[in-house]
Structures are given as structure tokens and as C-alpha cells.
Amino acid sequence: MVAVLGIDPGRRWTAGVLRVGADALDGWTLGPVAPDGRPDATALDNVHDLTAWGRWMARIVDAVERTIEQYGAPVRLATEVVVPPGGRIALADWLIPRQVVAGLLAFDPGTILVRPDGHGKAHYDRDGAGRLVRARPVQAAYPVPFHPGARPSTWGPSEARRGERDHERAAYDIAGAALAILGAS
């Protein structure tokens, strides 16, 4: 079976989930840090501070390498493509995630690029126009590691301040989309 580490690049939180088939085997959510190594969600607010971005990307690459090493078999990387949205948006909201994608491609040029598609929201119903209209319980769409209170203690860090799991669910969905691209779903 093909193993894919799906990565959801975010401005404040980036998550990775190792997926084989429908099974989520490992996951992590990382946030940026201050120069002294303390978690600091605002560390990337200045998009011109490439040193801060370098600290952030080094943490992500370390987590990717650890995940692959712990799995002990070949792992494909996949990440969501980040495109500038229309309308007004803070530069950092799309530039920082796009830089993460560029860093992943530098790390592994074979990284599978997955188009945005509401990843992490499979438990939502949509209306005829595709808008999210109603959330069903997470259990209706995701395996046990994503259920409330069921995050495995063996998984990597979860640094999201309020413990939210949306980036990990998105990473799981990105890995699933990559498996479909590979014809291995």
C-alpha cells in the first residue's frame, strides 16, 4: 500500500497526516516560533522576515523527516496548492502558506500538488452552489483519530492554541486526494 504524508500549509498552523488507505497513522500540527524557540502565532506576521519563515520551514521539514523515518517505508508527500484568493486579503494569509508549498517542493520535487477543495470539511453538507451549510458530527466522515477526544497520544505535537483539528483533517483529505491522483485510493 502507498503511504502519503498529506500536508495542509497554513499561515499560523501547518499540519501533516500520514495516511495509508483510509487509515491515519500519524499526525502533527505545528505553529511558528519566536527566535528563542517559544511558540508565537504572530512570528510570521511580517512577511519580509525571512529568518522567521526559515525557522518555521525548518520545523516543518524536521516533522516531515521524523514522520517518514518513523514509518520506515517509502512515503510520498502531498500538499494543497495555494492560490491567491480574489478580493481583499492580508498578504500573509496566502503568501506564508505558498512559501511552505515552495519549501516542500524544494525538499522533495516529487511532492504531489492537490487543488483546494474544502479539505478538512468532509463532515459538512453543501447546498446546490457548493457552499457549506450544516456540519454533521466529525465521526460521520473521518476515522477515529479525528473524533473528539480520540487523538492518539503517539501522534506528534498539536500546537494549535485551542486544540482545533481542522488542519489535521485537511491534511488527511489532502493525502486521500493524492492517493486518488496516484490511482492508489
N, C-alpha and C. Protein backbone atom coordinates (compact mmCIF):
# COMPACT_ATOMS: atom_id res chain seq x y z
N MET A 1 0.85 -1.20 0.00
CA MET A 1 0.00 0.00 0.00
C MET A 1 0.88 1.24 0.00
N VAL A 2 0.40 2.26 -0.68
CA VAL A 2 1.11 3.53 -0.77
C VAL A 2 0.83 4.36 0.48
N ALA A 3 1.89 4.91 1.05
CA ALA A 3 1.76 5.81 2.20
C ALA A 3 1.96 7.24 1.69
N VAL A 4 1.06 8.13 2.11
CA VAL A 4 1.15 9.53 1.72
C VAL A 4 1.10 10.39 2.98
N LEU A 5 2.05 11.33 3.08
CA LEU A 5 2.02 12.33 4.14
C LEU A 5 1.39 13.57 3.53
N GLY A 6 0.11 13.79 3.86
CA GLY A 6 -0.60 14.97 3.39
C GLY A 6 -0.26 16.14 4.29
N ILE A 7 -0.01 17.29 3.68
CA ILE A 7 0.37 18.48 4.45
C ILE A 7 -0.56 19.63 4.09
N ASP A 8 -1.17 20.20 5.12
CA ASP A 8 -2.04 21.36 4.95
C ASP A 8 -1.24 22.60 5.36
N PRO A 9 -0.78 23.39 4.39
CA PRO A 9 0.03 24.56 4.73
C PRO A 9 -0.87 25.71 5.19
N GLY A 10 -0.57 26.27 6.32
CA GLY A 10 -1.37 27.38 6.83
C GLY A 10 -0.51 28.55 7.22
N ARG A 11 -1.15 29.67 7.47
CA ARG A 11 -0.41 30.86 7.89
C ARG A 11 0.06 30.70 9.33
N ARG A 12 -0.81 30.22 10.19
CA ARG A 12 -0.45 30.08 11.60
C ARG A 12 -0.19 28.63 12.00
N TRP A 13 -0.82 27.69 11.33
CA TRP A 13 -0.68 26.28 11.68
C TRP A 13 -0.51 25.48 10.41
N THR A 14 0.44 24.59 10.42
CA THR A 14 0.60 23.64 9.32
C THR A 14 0.50 22.26 9.92
N ALA A 15 -0.27 21.40 9.27
CA ALA A 15 -0.49 20.04 9.80
C ALA A 15 -0.06 19.02 8.77
N GLY A 16 0.35 17.87 9.27
CA GLY A 16 0.66 16.74 8.42
C GLY A 16 -0.02 15.50 8.97
N VAL A 17 -0.53 14.65 8.09
CA VAL A 17 -1.12 13.37 8.49
C VAL A 17 -0.61 12.30 7.54
N LEU A 18 -0.08 11.24 8.11
CA LEU A 18 0.38 10.09 7.34
C LEU A 18 -0.80 9.16 7.15
N ARG A 19 -1.12 8.90 5.89
CA ARG A 19 -2.30 8.10 5.55
C ARG A 19 -1.90 6.93 4.67
N VAL A 20 -2.42 5.76 5.01
CA VAL A 20 -2.29 4.56 4.18
C VAL A 20 -3.71 4.05 3.98
N GLY A 21 -4.19 4.07 2.74
CA GLY A 21 -5.59 3.73 2.50
C GLY A 21 -6.47 4.72 3.24
N ALA A 22 -7.39 4.22 4.04
CA ALA A 22 -8.26 5.10 4.83
C ALA A 22 -7.73 5.32 6.24
N ASP A 23 -6.59 4.70 6.57
CA ASP A 23 -6.05 4.77 7.93
C ASP A 23 -5.14 5.98 8.12
N ALA A 24 -5.37 6.72 9.19
CA ALA A 24 -4.50 7.82 9.60
C ALA A 24 -3.54 7.26 10.65
N LEU A 25 -2.24 7.20 10.30
CA LEU A 25 -1.27 6.54 11.17
C LEU A 25 -0.52 7.48 12.08
N ASP A 26 -0.39 8.73 11.70
CA ASP A 26 0.37 9.69 12.49
C ASP A 26 -0.07 11.08 12.07
N GLY A 27 0.15 12.04 12.92
CA GLY A 27 -0.20 13.41 12.58
C GLY A 27 0.46 14.40 13.49
N TRP A 28 0.51 15.63 13.05
CA TRP A 28 1.07 16.72 13.84
C TRP A 28 0.53 18.05 13.34
N THR A 29 0.50 19.03 14.23
CA THR A 29 0.14 20.40 13.89
C THR A 29 1.18 21.30 14.54
N LEU A 30 1.86 22.07 13.72
CA LEU A 30 2.93 22.93 14.20
C LEU A 30 2.60 24.39 13.96
N GLY A 31 3.06 25.23 14.88
CA GLY A 31 2.93 26.67 14.73
C GLY A 31 4.29 27.32 14.68
N PRO A 32 4.34 28.57 14.26
CA PRO A 32 5.62 29.27 14.19
C PRO A 32 6.16 29.58 15.59
N VAL A 33 7.46 29.87 15.63
CA VAL A 33 8.11 30.15 16.90
C VAL A 33 8.90 31.44 16.83
N ALA A 34 9.09 32.05 18.00
CA ALA A 34 9.93 33.24 18.15
C ALA A 34 11.40 32.83 18.07
N PRO A 35 12.30 33.78 17.96
CA PRO A 35 13.72 33.44 17.88
C PRO A 35 14.23 32.58 19.04
N ASP A 36 13.61 32.71 20.21
CA ASP A 36 14.04 31.92 21.37
C ASP A 36 13.40 30.52 21.41
N GLY A 37 12.62 30.19 20.37
CA GLY A 37 12.00 28.86 20.29
C GLY A 37 10.63 28.75 20.93
N ARG A 38 10.16 29.83 21.56
CA ARG A 38 8.81 29.84 22.14
C ARG A 38 7.76 29.87 21.05
N PRO A 39 6.66 29.12 21.22
CA PRO A 39 5.56 29.23 20.25
C PRO A 39 5.08 30.68 20.18
N ASP A 40 4.90 31.18 18.97
CA ASP A 40 4.48 32.56 18.78
C ASP A 40 3.68 32.65 17.47
N ALA A 41 2.37 32.66 17.60
CA ALA A 41 1.49 32.67 16.43
C ALA A 41 1.69 33.92 15.57
N THR A 42 2.26 34.99 16.14
CA THR A 42 2.46 36.22 15.37
C THR A 42 3.84 36.29 14.72
N ALA A 43 4.66 35.27 14.89
CA ALA A 43 6.04 35.30 14.40
C ALA A 43 6.13 35.51 12.89
N LEU A 44 5.09 35.17 12.15
CA LEU A 44 5.13 35.29 10.70
C LEU A 44 4.31 36.47 10.17
N ASP A 45 3.88 37.36 11.06
CA ASP A 45 3.06 38.48 10.61
C ASP A 45 3.80 39.42 9.67
N ASN A 46 5.11 39.55 9.84
CA ASN A 46 5.92 40.37 8.94
C ASN A 46 6.41 39.46 7.80
N VAL A 47 5.78 39.55 6.64
CA VAL A 47 6.11 38.65 5.53
C VAL A 47 7.52 38.88 5.00
N HIS A 48 8.14 39.98 5.38
CA HIS A 48 9.50 40.27 4.93
C HIS A 48 10.56 39.66 5.84
N ASP A 49 10.14 39.08 6.97
CA ASP A 49 11.08 38.47 7.93
C ASP A 49 11.36 37.03 7.49
N LEU A 50 12.31 36.89 6.58
CA LEU A 50 12.62 35.57 6.04
C LEU A 50 13.29 34.67 7.07
N THR A 51 13.92 35.26 8.08
CA THR A 51 14.51 34.45 9.14
C THR A 51 13.41 33.73 9.91
N ALA A 52 12.30 34.43 10.18
CA ALA A 52 11.17 33.79 10.88
C ALA A 52 10.59 32.67 10.02
N TRP A 53 10.45 32.93 8.71
CA TRP A 53 9.95 31.89 7.82
C TRP A 53 10.92 30.71 7.78
N GLY A 54 12.21 30.98 7.80
CA GLY A 54 13.21 29.90 7.81
C GLY A 54 13.07 29.01 9.04
N ARG A 55 12.84 29.63 10.21
CA ARG A 55 12.61 28.84 11.44
C ARG A 55 11.38 27.95 11.28
N TRP A 56 10.33 28.51 10.71
CA TRP A 56 9.06 27.83 10.51
C TRP A 56 9.24 26.64 9.55
N MET A 57 9.90 26.90 8.42
CA MET A 57 10.07 25.85 7.42
C MET A 57 10.98 24.74 7.95
N ALA A 58 12.01 25.11 8.72
CA ALA A 58 12.90 24.09 9.30
C ALA A 58 12.12 23.17 10.24
N ARG A 59 11.19 23.72 11.00
CA ARG A 59 10.35 22.89 11.88
C ARG A 59 9.48 21.94 11.07
N ILE A 60 8.92 22.43 9.98
CA ILE A 60 8.06 21.58 9.14
C ILE A 60 8.89 20.46 8.52
N VAL A 61 10.04 20.80 7.96
CA VAL A 61 10.90 19.77 7.35
C VAL A 61 11.34 18.75 8.40
N ASP A 62 11.67 19.20 9.60
CA ASP A 62 12.04 18.25 10.68
C ASP A 62 10.89 17.29 10.96
N ALA A 63 9.66 17.82 11.01
CA ALA A 63 8.49 16.96 11.28
C ALA A 63 8.27 15.98 10.12
N VAL A 64 8.45 16.44 8.90
CA VAL A 64 8.30 15.56 7.73
C VAL A 64 9.33 14.44 7.81
N GLU A 65 10.58 14.79 8.06
CA GLU A 65 11.64 13.78 8.12
C GLU A 65 11.40 12.78 9.25
N ARG A 66 10.97 13.27 10.42
CA ARG A 66 10.67 12.38 11.55
C ARG A 66 9.53 11.42 11.21
N THR A 67 8.50 11.93 10.57
CA THR A 67 7.35 11.09 10.22
C THR A 67 7.77 9.99 9.24
N ILE A 68 8.53 10.36 8.23
CA ILE A 68 8.99 9.37 7.24
C ILE A 68 9.90 8.34 7.90
N GLU A 69 10.82 8.80 8.74
CA GLU A 69 11.75 7.89 9.42
C GLU A 69 11.00 6.91 10.34
N GLN A 70 10.03 7.40 11.08
CA GLN A 70 9.27 6.53 11.99
C GLN A 70 8.44 5.51 11.22
N TYR A 71 7.93 5.89 10.05
CA TYR A 71 7.12 4.94 9.28
C TYR A 71 8.00 3.81 8.76
N GLY A 72 9.22 4.12 8.35
CA GLY A 72 10.17 3.09 7.97
C GLY A 72 9.97 2.48 6.59
N ALA A 73 9.16 3.09 5.77
CA ALA A 73 8.93 2.62 4.40
C ALA A 73 8.77 3.87 3.53
N PRO A 74 8.81 3.71 2.21
CA PRO A 74 8.66 4.88 1.34
C PRO A 74 7.35 5.63 1.60
N VAL A 75 7.45 6.94 1.59
CA VAL A 75 6.31 7.82 1.82
C VAL A 75 6.32 8.89 0.72
N ARG A 76 5.18 9.10 0.10
CA ARG A 76 5.02 10.21 -0.86
C ARG A 76 4.51 11.42 -0.09
N LEU A 77 4.97 12.60 -0.48
CA LEU A 77 4.48 13.84 0.11
C LEU A 77 3.40 14.42 -0.79
N ALA A 78 2.43 15.08 -0.17
CA ALA A 78 1.38 15.78 -0.91
C ALA A 78 1.03 17.03 -0.14
N THR A 79 0.75 18.10 -0.85
CA THR A 79 0.33 19.34 -0.21
C THR A 79 -0.71 20.03 -1.07
N GLU A 80 -1.51 20.84 -0.43
CA GLU A 80 -2.50 21.61 -1.15
C GLU A 80 -1.82 22.78 -1.85
N VAL A 81 -2.19 23.02 -3.09
CA VAL A 81 -1.70 24.18 -3.84
C VAL A 81 -2.35 25.42 -3.24
N VAL A 82 -1.57 26.45 -3.05
CA VAL A 82 -2.09 27.70 -2.50
C VAL A 82 -2.15 28.72 -3.63
N VAL A 83 -3.33 29.22 -3.88
CA VAL A 83 -3.51 30.24 -4.92
C VAL A 83 -4.04 31.51 -4.26
N PRO A 84 -3.59 32.68 -4.75
CA PRO A 84 -4.11 33.92 -4.17
C PRO A 84 -5.61 34.00 -4.37
N PRO A 85 -6.34 34.24 -3.31
CA PRO A 85 -7.80 34.37 -3.45
C PRO A 85 -8.16 35.72 -4.06
N GLY A 86 -9.36 35.80 -4.57
CA GLY A 86 -9.85 37.07 -5.07
C GLY A 86 -10.25 37.97 -3.91
N GLY A 87 -10.38 39.24 -4.17
CA GLY A 87 -10.81 40.17 -3.13
C GLY A 87 -9.66 40.61 -2.24
N ARG A 88 -10.03 41.29 -1.18
CA ARG A 88 -9.03 41.80 -0.25
C ARG A 88 -8.69 40.74 0.79
N ILE A 89 -7.40 40.53 0.97
CA ILE A 89 -6.93 39.57 1.96
C ILE A 89 -5.54 40.01 2.39
N ALA A 90 -5.21 39.77 3.64
CA ALA A 90 -3.88 40.11 4.12
C ALA A 90 -2.84 39.31 3.33
N LEU A 91 -1.77 39.96 2.95
CA LEU A 91 -0.72 39.32 2.16
C LEU A 91 -0.23 38.03 2.82
N ALA A 92 -0.05 38.06 4.13
CA ALA A 92 0.48 36.88 4.84
C ALA A 92 -0.47 35.69 4.76
N ASP A 93 -1.76 35.93 4.61
CA ASP A 93 -2.73 34.84 4.60
C ASP A 93 -2.57 33.89 3.42
N TRP A 94 -2.01 34.35 2.32
CA TRP A 94 -1.75 33.44 1.20
C TRP A 94 -0.26 33.28 0.91
N LEU A 95 0.54 34.32 1.23
CA LEU A 95 1.97 34.24 0.92
C LEU A 95 2.69 33.23 1.82
N ILE A 96 2.42 33.23 3.11
CA ILE A 96 3.11 32.30 4.02
C ILE A 96 2.80 30.85 3.64
N PRO A 97 1.53 30.46 3.47
CA PRO A 97 1.27 29.08 3.05
C PRO A 97 1.91 28.74 1.70
N ARG A 98 1.93 29.70 0.78
CA ARG A 98 2.54 29.45 -0.53
C ARG A 98 4.05 29.22 -0.38
N GLN A 99 4.68 29.94 0.53
CA GLN A 99 6.11 29.72 0.80
C GLN A 99 6.33 28.33 1.38
N VAL A 100 5.40 27.85 2.20
CA VAL A 100 5.52 26.49 2.74
C VAL A 100 5.48 25.49 1.59
N VAL A 101 4.56 25.69 0.65
CA VAL A 101 4.49 24.80 -0.52
C VAL A 101 5.81 24.83 -1.28
N ALA A 102 6.38 26.02 -1.49
CA ALA A 102 7.66 26.13 -2.19
C ALA A 102 8.76 25.40 -1.42
N GLY A 103 8.75 25.52 -0.10
CA GLY A 103 9.74 24.82 0.71
C GLY A 103 9.61 23.31 0.61
N LEU A 104 8.37 22.82 0.56
CA LEU A 104 8.15 21.38 0.42
C LEU A 104 8.62 20.89 -0.95
N LEU A 105 8.38 21.69 -1.98
CA LEU A 105 8.85 21.32 -3.32
C LEU A 105 10.37 21.33 -3.40
N ALA A 106 11.03 22.23 -2.67
CA ALA A 106 12.49 22.23 -2.63
C ALA A 106 12.99 20.99 -1.90
N PHE A 107 12.29 20.60 -0.84
CA PHE A 107 12.66 19.40 -0.08
C PHE A 107 12.46 18.14 -0.93
N ASP A 108 11.32 18.07 -1.63
CA ASP A 108 11.00 16.90 -2.46
C ASP A 108 10.27 17.37 -3.72
N PRO A 109 11.01 17.54 -4.82
CA PRO A 109 10.37 18.00 -6.06
C PRO A 109 9.24 17.09 -6.55
N GLY A 110 9.17 15.87 -6.05
CA GLY A 110 8.10 14.95 -6.43
C GLY A 110 6.84 15.10 -5.58
N THR A 111 6.80 16.12 -4.73
CA THR A 111 5.61 16.35 -3.90
C THR A 111 4.38 16.48 -4.80
N ILE A 112 3.32 15.77 -4.45
CA ILE A 112 2.08 15.79 -5.22
C ILE A 112 1.30 17.05 -4.85
N LEU A 113 0.92 17.82 -5.84
CA LEU A 113 0.17 19.06 -5.61
C LEU A 113 -1.32 18.78 -5.78
N VAL A 114 -2.08 19.11 -4.76
CA VAL A 114 -3.51 18.84 -4.72
C VAL A 114 -4.26 20.17 -4.75
N ARG A 115 -5.23 20.28 -5.62
CA ARG A 115 -6.03 21.50 -5.73
C ARG A 115 -6.89 21.71 -4.49
N PRO A 116 -7.12 22.96 -4.11
CA PRO A 116 -8.02 23.23 -2.98
C PRO A 116 -9.42 22.67 -3.27
N ASP A 117 -10.05 22.10 -2.24
CA ASP A 117 -11.37 21.52 -2.44
C ASP A 117 -12.12 21.35 -1.12
N GLY A 118 -12.01 22.32 -0.25
CA GLY A 118 -12.71 22.22 1.03
C GLY A 118 -12.15 21.12 1.91
N HIS A 119 -10.85 20.86 1.80
CA HIS A 119 -10.24 19.79 2.60
C HIS A 119 -10.44 20.07 4.09
N GLY A 120 -10.73 19.01 4.83
CA GLY A 120 -10.98 19.13 6.26
C GLY A 120 -12.44 19.38 6.61
N LYS A 121 -13.27 19.46 5.59
CA LYS A 121 -14.69 19.78 5.81
C LYS A 121 -15.62 18.71 5.24
N ALA A 122 -15.16 17.47 5.16
CA ALA A 122 -15.99 16.39 4.61
C ALA A 122 -17.23 16.13 5.46
N HIS A 123 -17.23 16.60 6.70
CA HIS A 123 -18.38 16.39 7.58
C HIS A 123 -19.44 17.49 7.43
N TYR A 124 -19.29 18.36 6.45
CA TYR A 124 -20.26 19.41 6.19
C TYR A 124 -21.15 19.03 5.02
N ASP A 125 -22.39 19.41 5.10
CA ASP A 125 -23.29 19.32 3.95
C ASP A 125 -23.12 20.60 3.14
N ARG A 126 -23.36 20.50 1.86
CA ARG A 126 -23.24 21.65 0.96
C ARG A 126 -24.57 21.89 0.26
N ASP A 127 -24.83 23.14 -0.09
CA ASP A 127 -26.04 23.45 -0.85
C ASP A 127 -25.75 23.26 -2.34
N GLY A 128 -26.72 23.57 -3.18
CA GLY A 128 -26.59 23.38 -4.62
C GLY A 128 -25.45 24.18 -5.24
N ALA A 129 -25.05 25.27 -4.59
CA ALA A 129 -23.94 26.10 -5.09
C ALA A 129 -22.60 25.66 -4.50
N GLY A 130 -22.62 24.60 -3.69
CA GLY A 130 -21.37 24.11 -3.11
C GLY A 130 -20.96 24.78 -1.82
N ARG A 131 -21.81 25.68 -1.29
CA ARG A 131 -21.49 26.36 -0.03
C ARG A 131 -21.75 25.44 1.15
N LEU A 132 -20.89 25.55 2.17
CA LEU A 132 -21.09 24.76 3.39
C LEU A 132 -22.31 25.28 4.12
N VAL A 133 -23.22 24.39 4.48
CA VAL A 133 -24.46 24.84 5.11
C VAL A 133 -24.71 24.22 6.48
N ARG A 134 -24.20 23.02 6.72
CA ARG A 134 -24.50 22.39 8.00
C ARG A 134 -23.42 21.36 8.32
N ALA A 135 -22.94 21.44 9.55
CA ALA A 135 -21.93 20.47 9.97
C ALA A 135 -22.61 19.26 10.60
N ARG A 136 -22.16 18.09 10.17
CA ARG A 136 -22.56 16.84 10.82
C ARG A 136 -21.46 16.48 11.81
N PRO A 137 -21.66 15.52 12.69
CA PRO A 137 -20.58 15.12 13.58
C PRO A 137 -19.36 14.66 12.78
N VAL A 138 -18.17 14.99 13.26
CA VAL A 138 -16.92 14.61 12.60
C VAL A 138 -16.88 13.10 12.36
N GLN A 139 -17.48 12.33 13.29
CA GLN A 139 -17.47 10.87 13.18
C GLN A 139 -18.13 10.38 11.90
N ALA A 140 -18.97 11.22 11.29
CA ALA A 140 -19.68 10.81 10.08
C ALA A 140 -18.75 10.76 8.86
N ALA A 141 -17.58 11.40 8.93
CA ALA A 141 -16.74 11.48 7.74
C ALA A 141 -15.27 11.14 7.97
N TYR A 142 -14.85 11.02 9.23
CA TYR A 142 -13.42 10.83 9.50
C TYR A 142 -13.20 9.63 10.42
N PRO A 143 -12.03 8.98 10.28
CA PRO A 143 -11.72 7.83 11.14
C PRO A 143 -11.48 8.26 12.60
N VAL A 144 -11.42 7.29 13.47
CA VAL A 144 -11.35 7.50 14.92
C VAL A 144 -10.30 8.52 15.36
N PRO A 145 -9.09 8.54 14.81
CA PRO A 145 -8.12 9.52 15.33
C PRO A 145 -8.58 10.98 15.25
N PHE A 146 -9.61 11.26 14.45
CA PHE A 146 -10.11 12.63 14.32
C PHE A 146 -11.37 12.88 15.15
N HIS A 147 -11.87 11.86 15.81
CA HIS A 147 -13.07 12.03 16.64
C HIS A 147 -12.71 12.84 17.87
N PRO A 148 -13.68 13.57 18.43
CA PRO A 148 -13.41 14.37 19.63
C PRO A 148 -12.81 13.51 20.75
N GLY A 149 -11.71 13.98 21.31
CA GLY A 149 -11.07 13.30 22.43
C GLY A 149 -10.33 12.02 22.07
N ALA A 150 -10.19 11.72 20.77
CA ALA A 150 -9.59 10.43 20.39
C ALA A 150 -8.23 10.59 19.70
N ARG A 151 -7.63 11.78 19.77
CA ARG A 151 -6.32 11.97 19.11
C ARG A 151 -5.31 11.05 19.78
N PRO A 152 -4.64 10.18 19.02
CA PRO A 152 -3.70 9.23 19.62
C PRO A 152 -2.54 9.94 20.32
N SER A 153 -2.18 9.46 21.49
CA SER A 153 -1.08 10.06 22.24
C SER A 153 0.26 9.82 21.56
N THR A 154 0.31 8.87 20.63
CA THR A 154 1.54 8.56 19.92
C THR A 154 1.81 9.52 18.76
N TRP A 155 0.81 10.32 18.39
CA TRP A 155 0.98 11.28 17.30
C TRP A 155 1.93 12.38 17.74
N GLY A 156 2.42 13.14 16.77
CA GLY A 156 3.30 14.27 17.05
C GLY A 156 2.56 15.40 17.74
N PRO A 157 3.22 16.53 17.89
CA PRO A 157 2.64 17.65 18.63
C PRO A 157 1.38 18.21 17.98
N SER A 158 0.53 18.77 18.83
CA SER A 158 -0.63 19.52 18.36
C SER A 158 -0.54 20.89 19.03
N GLU A 159 0.00 21.85 18.31
CA GLU A 159 0.29 23.15 18.89
C GLU A 159 -0.80 24.19 18.67
N ALA A 160 -1.87 23.82 17.99
CA ALA A 160 -2.97 24.77 17.79
C ALA A 160 -3.47 25.20 19.17
N ARG A 161 -3.57 26.49 19.37
CA ARG A 161 -3.84 27.02 20.72
C ARG A 161 -5.11 26.48 21.36
N ARG A 162 -6.14 26.31 20.58
CA ARG A 162 -7.40 25.84 21.17
C ARG A 162 -7.62 24.35 20.90
N GLY A 163 -6.59 23.68 20.41
CA GLY A 163 -6.71 22.25 20.17
C GLY A 163 -7.52 21.89 18.94
N GLU A 164 -7.78 22.87 18.07
CA GLU A 164 -8.58 22.59 16.89
C GLU A 164 -7.87 21.58 15.99
N ARG A 165 -8.64 20.79 15.30
CA ARG A 165 -8.11 19.69 14.48
C ARG A 165 -8.39 19.88 12.99
N ASP A 166 -8.89 21.05 12.60
CA ASP A 166 -9.27 21.25 11.20
C ASP A 166 -8.10 21.10 10.24
N HIS A 167 -6.91 21.54 10.62
CA HIS A 167 -5.76 21.39 9.72
C HIS A 167 -5.35 19.92 9.59
N GLU A 168 -5.47 19.15 10.67
CA GLU A 168 -5.15 17.72 10.56
C GLU A 168 -6.17 16.99 9.70
N ARG A 169 -7.46 17.35 9.82
CA ARG A 169 -8.47 16.75 8.93
C ARG A 169 -8.18 17.12 7.48
N ALA A 170 -7.80 18.37 7.25
CA ALA A 170 -7.47 18.80 5.88
C ALA A 170 -6.27 18.01 5.36
N ALA A 171 -5.24 17.82 6.19
CA ALA A 171 -4.06 17.05 5.76
C ALA A 171 -4.45 15.62 5.40
N TYR A 172 -5.36 15.04 6.17
CA TYR A 172 -5.86 13.69 5.88
C TYR A 172 -6.56 13.67 4.52
N ASP A 173 -7.41 14.67 4.26
CA ASP A 173 -8.12 14.74 2.99
C ASP A 173 -7.16 14.98 1.82
N ILE A 174 -6.13 15.81 2.04
CA ILE A 174 -5.12 16.06 1.00
C ILE A 174 -4.39 14.77 0.67
N ALA A 175 -4.04 13.99 1.68
CA ALA A 175 -3.40 12.69 1.43
C ALA A 175 -4.33 11.78 0.65
N GLY A 176 -5.62 11.80 0.97
CA GLY A 176 -6.59 10.99 0.23
C GLY A 176 -6.71 11.42 -1.22
N ALA A 177 -6.70 12.73 -1.47
CA ALA A 177 -6.75 13.22 -2.85
C ALA A 177 -5.49 12.80 -3.60
N ALA A 178 -4.35 12.82 -2.93
CA ALA A 178 -3.10 12.37 -3.58
C ALA A 178 -3.16 10.89 -3.90
N LEU A 179 -3.72 10.10 -3.00
CA LEU A 179 -3.88 8.67 -3.29
C LEU A 179 -4.74 8.45 -4.53
N ALA A 180 -5.78 9.26 -4.67
CA ALA A 180 -6.64 9.16 -5.86
C ALA A 180 -5.86 9.56 -7.11
N ILE A 181 -5.04 10.60 -7.03
CA ILE A 181 -4.21 11.02 -8.16
C ILE A 181 -3.27 9.89 -8.56
N LEU A 182 -2.72 9.21 -7.56
CA LEU A 182 -1.81 8.09 -7.82
C LEU A 182 -2.53 6.82 -8.27
N GLY A 183 -3.85 6.82 -8.17
CA GLY A 183 -4.62 5.62 -8.51
C GLY A 183 -4.50 4.56 -7.44
N ALA A 184 -4.22 4.98 -6.21
CA ALA A 184 -3.99 4.03 -5.11
C ALA A 184 -4.98 4.18 -3.98
N SER A 185 -6.10 4.86 -4.21
CA SER A 185 -7.05 5.11 -3.11
C SER A 185 -7.82 3.85 -2.72
